[in-house]
Amino acid sequence: MRKNNDKKTMKLVMSALFAALCVVGTLIHIPAGPTIGYLHLGDAFVILSGILLGPLYGGIAAGIGSGIADVINGYAIYVPGTIIIKFLEAMIAGFIFARFYNKDHAKRFDSQILIALSGSAGGMIMVTLYFLYEILILNLMGSAENMKAALVAAAAGVPYNIVQALVAVVLALLAYPIFKKTNFNI
């Protein structure tokens, strides 16, 4: 019984750590223009949270951490979308990784390919959902006179989100071995 409690406590602690890493990674940002917002390093931790903590805990950590970062950065209008989008990004990455990763037969090359695939899938979810969320925001705020204008404005952010997703996958690939060396087993 105590071992299960210790494992649950460790999972909660690591979830809080990854939420904090998502905040800090998102606060390290590169401005990308007044209407686009910024590119950031937080998505690497979003992907890693899903892969290392599993879909549920990783998704919760990613959503909460990324939502807090949006509040800190003054993008409060994005908070509801960010919480859901980052949860789903980490959840998809974590689900794919968990489904196909075999701890007993994992080779470094195989796990790297799996990280790239699961991170890319999570990134595609992020890009697609932010595109849709921005269309919604533009229409609700009355910033777009019609759907066509909202589509064009939201589409302007897609290339930046694609770059952000690609950078996140590369950083996750680089950081994963570091976390695995620490016997990150929960």
Protein backbone atom coordinates (compact mmCIF):
# COMPACT_ATOMS: atom_id res chain seq x y z
CA MET A 1 0.00 0.00 0.00
CA ARG A 2 2.80 2.41 0.90
CA LYS A 3 4.54 1.77 -2.42
CA ASN A 4 1.39 2.79 -4.34
CA ASN A 5 1.09 5.96 -2.26
CA ASP A 6 4.75 6.77 -2.89
CA LYS A 7 4.26 6.26 -6.63
CA LYS A 8 1.15 8.49 -6.66
CA THR A 9 2.96 11.17 -4.66
CA MET A 10 5.91 11.02 -7.05
CA LYS A 11 3.59 11.31 -10.07
CA LEU A 12 1.91 14.40 -8.55
CA VAL A 13 5.27 15.96 -7.73
CA MET A 14 6.58 15.31 -11.25
CA SER A 15 3.34 16.69 -12.71
CA ALA A 16 3.84 19.89 -10.73
CA LEU A 17 7.45 20.02 -11.91
CA PHE A 18 6.40 19.68 -15.55
CA ALA A 19 3.69 22.30 -15.13
CA ALA A 20 6.41 24.64 -13.82
CA LEU A 21 8.72 23.69 -16.70
CA CYS A 22 5.90 24.49 -19.15
CA VAL A 23 5.51 27.92 -17.52
CA VAL A 24 9.24 28.69 -17.58
CA GLY A 25 9.69 27.32 -21.09
CA THR A 26 6.80 29.44 -22.33
CA LEU A 27 8.17 32.54 -20.61
CA ILE A 28 11.38 32.10 -22.62
CA HIS A 29 9.83 33.48 -25.75
CA ILE A 30 10.81 35.08 -29.02
CA PRO A 31 8.46 37.84 -30.19
CA ALA A 32 6.81 37.05 -33.53
CA GLY A 33 4.87 40.22 -34.20
CA PRO A 34 2.04 42.18 -32.62
CA THR A 35 -0.79 39.99 -33.89
CA ILE A 36 0.98 36.63 -33.76
CA GLY A 37 2.30 36.76 -30.20
CA TYR A 38 5.50 34.79 -29.74
CA LEU A 39 7.35 31.57 -30.32
CA HIS A 40 8.42 29.76 -27.16
CA LEU A 41 10.24 26.75 -25.77
CA GLY A 42 7.34 25.54 -23.61
CA ASP A 43 5.97 23.11 -26.18
CA ALA A 44 9.04 20.90 -25.73
CA PHE A 45 7.96 20.43 -22.11
CA VAL A 46 4.36 19.94 -23.22
CA ILE A 47 5.49 17.03 -25.41
CA LEU A 48 7.82 15.64 -22.75
CA SER A 49 5.13 15.84 -20.09
CA GLY A 50 2.86 13.63 -22.19
CA ILE A 51 5.65 11.18 -22.99
CA LEU A 52 7.14 10.94 -19.50
CA LEU A 53 4.04 11.33 -17.30
CA GLY A 54 1.54 9.62 -19.56
CA PRO A 55 -1.43 11.08 -21.38
CA LEU A 56 -3.57 12.11 -18.40
CA TYR A 57 -1.03 13.51 -15.93
CA GLY A 58 1.09 14.92 -18.74
CA GLY A 59 -1.93 16.58 -20.31
CA ILE A 60 -3.01 18.13 -17.03
CA ALA A 61 0.51 19.41 -16.29
CA ALA A 62 0.88 20.85 -19.81
CA GLY A 63 -2.54 22.52 -19.78
CA ILE A 64 -2.16 24.10 -16.35
CA GLY A 65 1.45 25.21 -16.90
CA SER A 66 0.79 26.69 -20.33
CA GLY A 67 -2.39 28.40 -19.13
CA ILE A 68 -0.50 30.02 -16.25
CA ALA A 69 2.15 31.23 -18.70
CA ASP A 70 -0.52 32.88 -20.85
CA VAL A 71 -1.85 34.73 -17.79
CA ILE A 72 1.65 35.89 -16.85
CA ASN A 73 2.37 37.03 -20.41
CA GLY A 74 -0.88 39.01 -20.64
CA TYR A 75 -2.66 36.71 -23.11
CA ALA A 76 -5.62 36.00 -20.85
CA ILE A 77 -7.99 35.63 -23.80
CA TYR A 78 -6.00 32.56 -24.86
CA VAL A 79 -6.09 30.83 -21.46
CA PRO A 80 -9.23 28.70 -21.99
CA GLY A 81 -8.03 27.57 -25.42
CA THR A 82 -4.47 27.06 -24.27
CA ILE A 83 -5.46 24.84 -21.37
CA ILE A 84 -7.47 22.57 -23.68
CA ILE A 85 -5.06 22.69 -26.62
CA LYS A 86 -1.92 21.98 -24.57
CA PHE A 87 -3.75 19.24 -22.65
CA LEU A 88 -4.64 17.59 -25.97
CA GLU A 89 -1.15 18.12 -27.42
CA ALA A 90 0.49 16.36 -24.47
CA MET A 91 -2.25 13.74 -24.29
CA ILE A 92 -1.87 12.78 -27.96
CA ALA A 93 1.95 12.70 -27.72
CA GLY A 94 1.76 10.66 -24.52
CA PHE A 95 -0.86 8.27 -25.85
CA ILE A 96 1.05 7.50 -29.06
CA PHE A 97 4.34 7.10 -27.19
CA ALA A 98 2.81 4.82 -24.53
CA ARG A 99 0.99 2.75 -27.12
CA PHE A 100 4.08 1.91 -29.16
CA TYR A 101 6.99 2.15 -26.70
CA ASN A 102 8.29 -1.17 -25.46
CA LYS A 103 10.48 -0.66 -22.38
CA ASP A 104 11.98 -4.12 -22.63
CA HIS A 105 13.10 -3.83 -26.26
CA ALA A 106 13.57 -0.08 -26.68
CA LYS A 107 16.60 1.02 -28.60
CA ARG A 108 17.74 4.62 -28.61
CA PHE A 109 17.00 4.96 -32.32
CA ASP A 110 13.53 3.47 -31.96
CA SER A 111 12.60 5.72 -29.05
CA GLN A 112 13.89 8.80 -30.91
CA ILE A 113 11.70 7.99 -33.91
CA LEU A 114 8.74 7.44 -31.60
CA ILE A 115 9.36 10.76 -29.84
CA ALA A 116 9.53 12.52 -33.21
CA LEU A 117 6.29 10.89 -34.38
CA SER A 118 4.34 11.38 -31.16
CA GLY A 119 5.63 14.95 -30.74
CA SER A 120 4.76 15.75 -34.35
CA ALA A 121 1.24 14.40 -33.87
CA GLY A 122 0.82 16.54 -30.78
CA GLY A 123 2.22 19.52 -32.69
CA MET A 124 -0.26 19.02 -35.53
CA ILE A 125 -3.08 19.06 -32.98
CA MET A 126 -1.70 22.28 -31.50
CA VAL A 127 -1.38 24.03 -34.88
CA THR A 128 -4.86 22.99 -36.00
CA LEU A 129 -6.62 23.85 -32.75
CA TYR A 130 -4.94 27.26 -32.36
CA PHE A 131 -5.99 28.08 -35.93
CA LEU A 132 -9.60 27.24 -35.07
CA TYR A 133 -9.42 29.00 -31.69
CA GLU A 134 -8.09 32.19 -33.27
CA ILE A 135 -10.96 32.18 -35.78
CA LEU A 136 -13.36 31.89 -32.84
CA ILE A 137 -11.67 34.69 -30.89
CA LEU A 138 -11.60 37.01 -33.90
CA ASN A 139 -15.31 36.46 -34.51
CA LEU A 140 -16.29 36.82 -30.84
CA MET A 141 -14.28 40.00 -30.40
CA GLY A 142 -15.73 41.48 -33.56
CA SER A 143 -12.20 41.94 -34.89
CA ALA A 144 -13.10 40.28 -38.13
CA GLU A 145 -15.90 41.67 -40.22
CA ASN A 146 -16.67 38.29 -41.68
CA MET A 147 -15.53 34.70 -41.68
CA LYS A 148 -13.16 35.26 -44.61
CA ALA A 149 -11.29 37.98 -42.73
CA ALA A 150 -11.11 35.74 -39.64
CA LEU A 151 -9.72 32.86 -41.71
CA VAL A 152 -7.06 35.05 -43.28
CA ALA A 153 -6.04 36.57 -39.95
CA ALA A 154 -5.91 33.19 -38.19
CA ALA A 155 -3.99 31.65 -41.10
CA ALA A 156 -1.24 34.22 -40.57
CA GLY A 157 -0.32 32.48 -37.31
CA VAL A 158 -0.12 28.97 -38.76
CA PRO A 159 3.48 29.20 -40.05
CA TYR A 160 4.70 30.43 -36.66
CA ASN A 161 2.88 27.62 -34.87
CA ILE A 162 4.38 25.09 -37.28
CA VAL A 163 7.88 26.40 -36.56
CA GLN A 164 7.09 26.31 -32.84
CA ALA A 165 5.96 22.69 -33.11
CA LEU A 166 9.06 21.66 -35.06
CA VAL A 167 11.39 23.36 -32.59
CA ALA A 168 9.53 21.68 -29.73
CA VAL A 169 10.02 18.22 -31.27
CA VAL A 170 13.74 18.83 -31.75
CA LEU A 171 14.13 20.08 -28.17
CA ALA A 172 12.12 17.14 -26.83
CA LEU A 173 14.41 14.76 -28.74
CA LEU A 174 17.45 16.41 -27.17
CA ALA A 175 16.01 16.57 -23.64
CA TYR A 176 14.46 13.09 -23.45
CA PRO A 177 17.76 11.22 -22.86
CA ILE A 178 18.56 13.57 -19.99
CA PHE A 179 15.29 12.75 -18.24
CA LYS A 180 15.74 9.03 -18.91
CA LYS A 181 19.28 9.09 -17.44
CA THR A 182 17.80 10.30 -14.16
CA ASN A 183 15.76 7.07 -13.98
CA PHE A 184 12.59 9.04 -14.47
CA ASN A 185 10.32 6.09 -13.77
CA ILE A 186 6.91 6.78 -12.33
